[in-house]
C-alpha atoms as a PDB file:
ATOM      1  CA  UNK A   1     -39.428  47.267  18.935  1.00  0.00           C
ATOM      2  CA  UNK A   2     -37.469  50.485  19.535  1.00  0.00           C
ATOM      3  CA  UNK A   3     -35.095  49.560  16.690  1.00  0.00           C
ATOM      4  CA  UNK A   4     -37.973  49.200  14.232  1.00  0.00           C
ATOM      5  CA  UNK A   5     -39.398  52.577  15.245  1.00  0.00           C
ATOM      6  CA  UNK A   6     -36.139  54.177  14.090  1.00  0.00           C
ATOM      7  CA  UNK A   7     -36.639  52.770  10.605  1.00  0.00           C
ATOM      8  CA  UNK A   8     -40.188  53.848   9.940  1.00  0.00           C
ATOM      9  CA  UNK A   9     -40.877  57.121   8.207  1.00  0.00           C
ATOM     10  CA  UNK A  10     -43.092  59.670   9.928  1.00  0.00           C
ATOM     11  CA  UNK A  11     -45.481  59.858   6.972  1.00  0.00           C
ATOM     12  CA  UNK A  12     -46.376  57.721   3.979  1.00  0.00           C
ATOM     13  CA  UNK A  13     -47.933  58.904   0.733  1.00  0.00           C
ATOM     14  CA  UNK A  14     -49.935  56.073  -0.744  1.00  0.00           C
ATOM     15  CA  UNK A  15     -51.502  55.495  -4.148  1.00  0.00           C
ATOM     16  CA  UNK A  16     -55.079  54.664  -3.197  1.00  0.00           C
ATOM     17  CA  UNK A  17     -55.710  52.827  -6.486  1.00  0.00           C
ATOM     18  CA  UNK A  18     -52.860  50.370  -6.064  1.00  0.00           C
ATOM     19  CA  UNK A  19     -52.459  50.622  -2.264  1.00  0.00           C
ATOM     20  CA  UNK A  20     -48.752  51.050  -2.976  1.00  0.00           C
ATOM     21  CA  UNK A  21     -46.461  53.341  -0.960  1.00  0.00           C
ATOM     22  CA  UNK A  22     -45.472  56.192  -3.280  1.00  0.00           C
ATOM     23  CA  UNK A  23     -43.241  58.161  -0.934  1.00  0.00           C
ATOM     24  CA  UNK A  24     -41.964  57.889   2.615  1.00  0.00           C
ATOM     25  CA  UNK A  25     -41.308  61.104   4.503  1.00  0.00           C
ATOM     26  CA  UNK A  26     -39.014  61.525   7.484  1.00  0.00           C
ATOM     27  CA  UNK A  27     -39.421  64.695   9.575  1.00  0.00           C
ATOM     28  CA  UNK A  28     -36.532  66.059  11.608  1.00  0.00           C
ATOM     29  CA  UNK A  29     -36.998  68.804  14.179  1.00  0.00           C
ATOM     30  CA  UNK A  30     -34.551  71.576  15.014  1.00  0.00           C
ATOM     31  CA  UNK A  31     -31.191  70.106  15.976  1.00  0.00           C
ATOM     32  CA  UNK A  32     -32.255  66.583  14.985  1.00  0.00           C
ATOM     33  CA  UNK A  33     -30.336  64.622  12.373  1.00  0.00           C
ATOM     34  CA  UNK A  34     -30.743  61.321  10.578  1.00  0.00           C
ATOM     35  CA  UNK A  35     -29.180  58.386  12.379  1.00  0.00           C
ATOM     36  CA  UNK A  36     -26.823  56.101  10.495  1.00  0.00           C
ATOM     37  CA  UNK A  37     -29.562  53.438  10.618  1.00  0.00           C
ATOM     38  CA  UNK A  38     -32.078  55.820   9.051  1.00  0.00           C
ATOM     39  CA  UNK A  39     -29.585  56.767   6.327  1.00  0.00           C
ATOM     40  CA  UNK A  40     -29.079  53.090   5.519  1.00  0.00           C
ATOM     41  CA  UNK A  41     -32.850  52.508   5.468  1.00  0.00           C
ATOM     42  CA  UNK A  42     -33.372  55.501   3.157  1.00  0.00           C
ATOM     43  CA  UNK A  43     -30.697  54.168   0.784  1.00  0.00           C
ATOM     44  CA  UNK A  44     -32.354  50.734   0.864  1.00  0.00           C
ATOM     45  CA  UNK A  45     -35.796  52.162   0.087  1.00  0.00           C
ATOM     46  CA  UNK A  46     -34.402  54.269  -2.754  1.00  0.00           C
ATOM     47  CA  UNK A  47     -32.564  51.263  -4.205  1.00  0.00           C
ATOM     48  CA  UNK A  48     -35.885  49.447  -4.681  1.00  0.00           C
ATOM     49  CA  UNK A  49     -37.551  52.475  -6.265  1.00  0.00           C
ATOM     50  CA  UNK A  50     -39.379  53.972  -3.295  1.00  0.00           C
ATOM     51  CA  UNK A  51     -39.192  57.756  -3.177  1.00  0.00           C
ATOM     52  CA  UNK A  52     -37.981  59.143   0.151  1.00  0.00           C
ATOM     53  CA  UNK A  53     -38.037  62.743   1.354  1.00  0.00           C
ATOM     54  CA  UNK A  54     -36.544  64.255   4.500  1.00  0.00           C
ATOM     55  CA  UNK A  55     -38.137  67.438   5.845  1.00  0.00           C
ATOM     56  CA  UNK A  56     -36.101  69.552   8.236  1.00  0.00           C
ATOM     57  CA  UNK A  57     -38.269  71.739  10.488  1.00  0.00           C
ATOM     58  CA  UNK A  58     -36.894  75.142  11.476  1.00  0.00           C
ATOM     59  CA  UNK A  59     -38.172  77.435  14.192  1.00  0.00           C
ATOM     60  CA  UNK A  60     -39.632  80.632  12.799  1.00  0.00           C
ATOM     61  CA  UNK A  61     -38.892  83.885  14.612  1.00  0.00           C
ATOM     62  CA  UNK A  62     -40.904  85.955  12.148  1.00  0.00           C
ATOM     63  CA  UNK A  63     -40.188  88.442   9.382  1.00  0.00           C
ATOM     64  CA  UNK A  64     -37.875  86.181   7.379  1.00  0.00           C
ATOM     65  CA  UNK A  65     -35.720  85.340  10.404  1.00  0.00           C
ATOM     66  CA  UNK A  66     -35.151  81.796  11.621  1.00  0.00           C
ATOM     67  CA  UNK A  67     -34.140  81.047  15.193  1.00  0.00           C
ATOM     68  CA  UNK A  68     -30.717  79.451  15.475  1.00  0.00           C
ATOM     69  CA  UNK A  69     -30.783  75.799  16.489  1.00  0.00           C
END
């Protein structure tokens, strides 16, 4: 079960008319990176035409300054 959790995206955008997944979104927090398994899964999804996005979250210090992670 833990292995499967690594593969699933954090968010899915779905076409409500066709009930088809339009985009899968992975979110990575500060200092977090994609695992090799996630990279392989992303490549697999893309190879069958599913759009994948990875969002990297950064800590905001304010006034156009990001905290170092």
